[in-house]
Protein backbone atom coordinates (compact mmCIF):
# COMPACT_ATOMS: atom_id res chain seq x y z
CA UNK A 1 120.68 93.02 124.72
CA UNK A 2 117.00 92.21 124.79
CA UNK A 3 116.21 88.86 123.23
CA UNK A 4 112.87 88.14 121.61
CA UNK A 5 111.06 84.83 121.42
CA UNK A 6 107.90 84.46 119.37
CA UNK A 7 105.37 81.71 119.95
CA UNK A 8 101.78 80.75 119.31
CA UNK A 9 101.87 80.00 115.63
CA UNK A 10 100.45 76.94 114.01
CA UNK A 11 98.12 75.59 111.38
CA UNK A 12 94.67 77.12 111.26
CA UNK A 13 91.71 77.00 108.91
CA UNK A 14 90.72 80.08 106.93
CA UNK A 15 88.53 82.23 109.12
CA UNK A 16 90.13 80.88 112.25
CA UNK A 17 92.10 82.63 114.96
CA UNK A 18 95.50 82.48 116.59
CA UNK A 19 97.11 84.43 119.38
CA UNK A 20 100.81 85.08 119.04
CA UNK A 21 103.09 86.01 121.89
CA UNK A 22 106.42 87.78 121.97
CA UNK A 23 108.46 87.31 125.11
CA UNK A 24 111.33 89.67 125.76
CA UNK A 25 114.24 88.96 128.06
CA UNK A 26 114.18 92.52 129.31
CA UNK A 27 111.89 95.49 129.64
CA UNK A 28 110.20 96.62 126.46
CA UNK A 29 109.22 100.17 127.23
CA UNK A 30 109.44 101.33 123.65
CA UNK A 31 107.18 100.98 120.66
CA UNK A 32 106.88 97.34 119.62
CA UNK A 33 105.51 95.71 116.57
CA UNK A 34 104.83 92.56 114.66
CA UNK A 35 106.25 91.78 111.26
CA UNK A 36 105.81 88.86 108.93
CA UNK A 37 107.66 87.31 106.07
CA UNK A 38 105.91 85.10 103.59
CA UNK A 39 107.83 82.70 101.42
CA UNK A 40 109.59 84.57 98.65
CA UNK A 41 108.65 87.99 100.00
CA UNK A 42 110.28 90.69 102.07
CA UNK A 43 109.52 91.07 105.73
CA UNK A 44 106.62 93.45 106.15
CA UNK A 45 105.20 95.52 108.96
CA UNK A 46 101.94 94.25 110.41
CA UNK A 47 101.14 96.09 113.61
CA UNK A 48 102.67 98.44 116.12
CA UNK A 49 101.90 99.53 119.66
CA UNK A 50 103.52 102.49 121.35
CA UNK A 51 104.58 102.73 124.96
CA UNK A 52 101.40 104.69 125.55
CA UNK A 53 99.22 102.01 124.02
CA UNK A 54 98.44 103.60 120.67
CA UNK A 55 98.13 101.04 117.92
CA UNK A 56 98.77 101.06 114.20
CA UNK A 57 98.08 98.40 111.62
CA UNK A 58 98.93 97.61 108.08
CA UNK A 59 95.95 97.86 105.78
CA UNK A 60 96.17 94.16 105.07
CA UNK A 61 95.35 93.23 108.68
CA UNK A 62 93.43 96.22 109.97
CA UNK A 63 90.16 95.15 111.53
CA UNK A 64 91.29 91.55 111.88
CA UNK A 65 94.40 91.69 114.05
CA UNK A 66 94.85 93.31 117.45
CA UNK A 67 98.20 94.07 119.03
CA UNK A 68 98.56 94.43 122.77
CA UNK A 69 101.33 94.60 125.33
CA UNK A 70 101.97 93.78 128.95
CA UNK A 71 105.02 95.73 129.98
CA UNK A 72 105.07 94.20 133.45
CA UNK A 73 105.51 90.79 131.86
CA UNK A 74 107.66 92.03 128.99
CA UNK A 75 105.31 90.56 126.44
CA UNK A 76 103.58 91.63 123.28
CA UNK A 77 100.66 89.78 121.77
CA UNK A 78 98.96 89.64 118.43
CA UNK A 79 95.40 88.40 118.29
CA UNK A 80 94.73 87.23 114.77
CA UNK A 81 91.13 86.73 113.70
CA UNK A 82 89.48 85.98 110.38
CA UNK A 83 92.70 84.53 109.11
CA UNK A 84 93.23 84.22 105.38
CA UNK A 85 95.60 82.03 103.39
CA UNK A 86 97.57 85.14 102.50
CA UNK A 87 98.35 85.58 106.20
CA UNK A 88 100.59 82.53 105.95
CA UNK A 89 104.07 83.64 106.97
CA UNK A 90 106.66 83.57 109.69
CA UNK A 91 105.76 86.19 112.25
CA UNK A 92 108.35 88.19 114.16
CA UNK A 93 108.30 90.88 116.80
CA UNK A 94 110.69 93.77 117.23
CA UNK A 95 110.76 97.45 117.96
CA UNK A 96 108.67 99.31 115.44
CA UNK A 97 108.63 100.87 113.02
CA UNK A 98 112.42 100.73 113.22
CA UNK A 99 113.58 97.21 114.04
CA UNK A 100 116.45 97.81 116.43
CA UNK A 101 116.75 94.46 118.15
CA UNK A 102 118.08 91.17 116.91
CA UNK A 103 115.40 89.13 115.20
CA UNK A 104 114.13 86.06 116.95
CA UNK A 105 113.32 82.78 115.26
CA UNK A 106 109.77 83.84 114.56
CA UNK A 107 106.70 81.65 114.69
CA UNK A 108 105.13 80.01 111.67
CA UNK A 109 101.51 80.73 110.88
CA UNK A 110 99.91 78.62 108.20
CA UNK A 111 96.35 79.29 107.11
CA UNK A 112 95.06 76.45 104.99
CA UNK A 113 92.11 74.16 104.61
């Protein structure tokens, strides 16, 4: 099966930016998305991009985050701008909106002064 590896997280100041990457071991020709799970909360949908390039965002990140994909490289990215402390979470990628693949380890994003 396709394996997913997230990277690019880290510690950033409020208002800062990060670019997350999701590397897949195989072709990702289907709709892909980013999810996040904050401490003590359920995993939530953040952004989605279809095979045709259409994008969808949760209201909480709309206008600040941008999802993109490079099918030739089997990668999905999430550009995160204007980060807020409430964006702090572990970020995961998967098919979206239905998460059909095994979850990767995720990448930690911490937004703090």
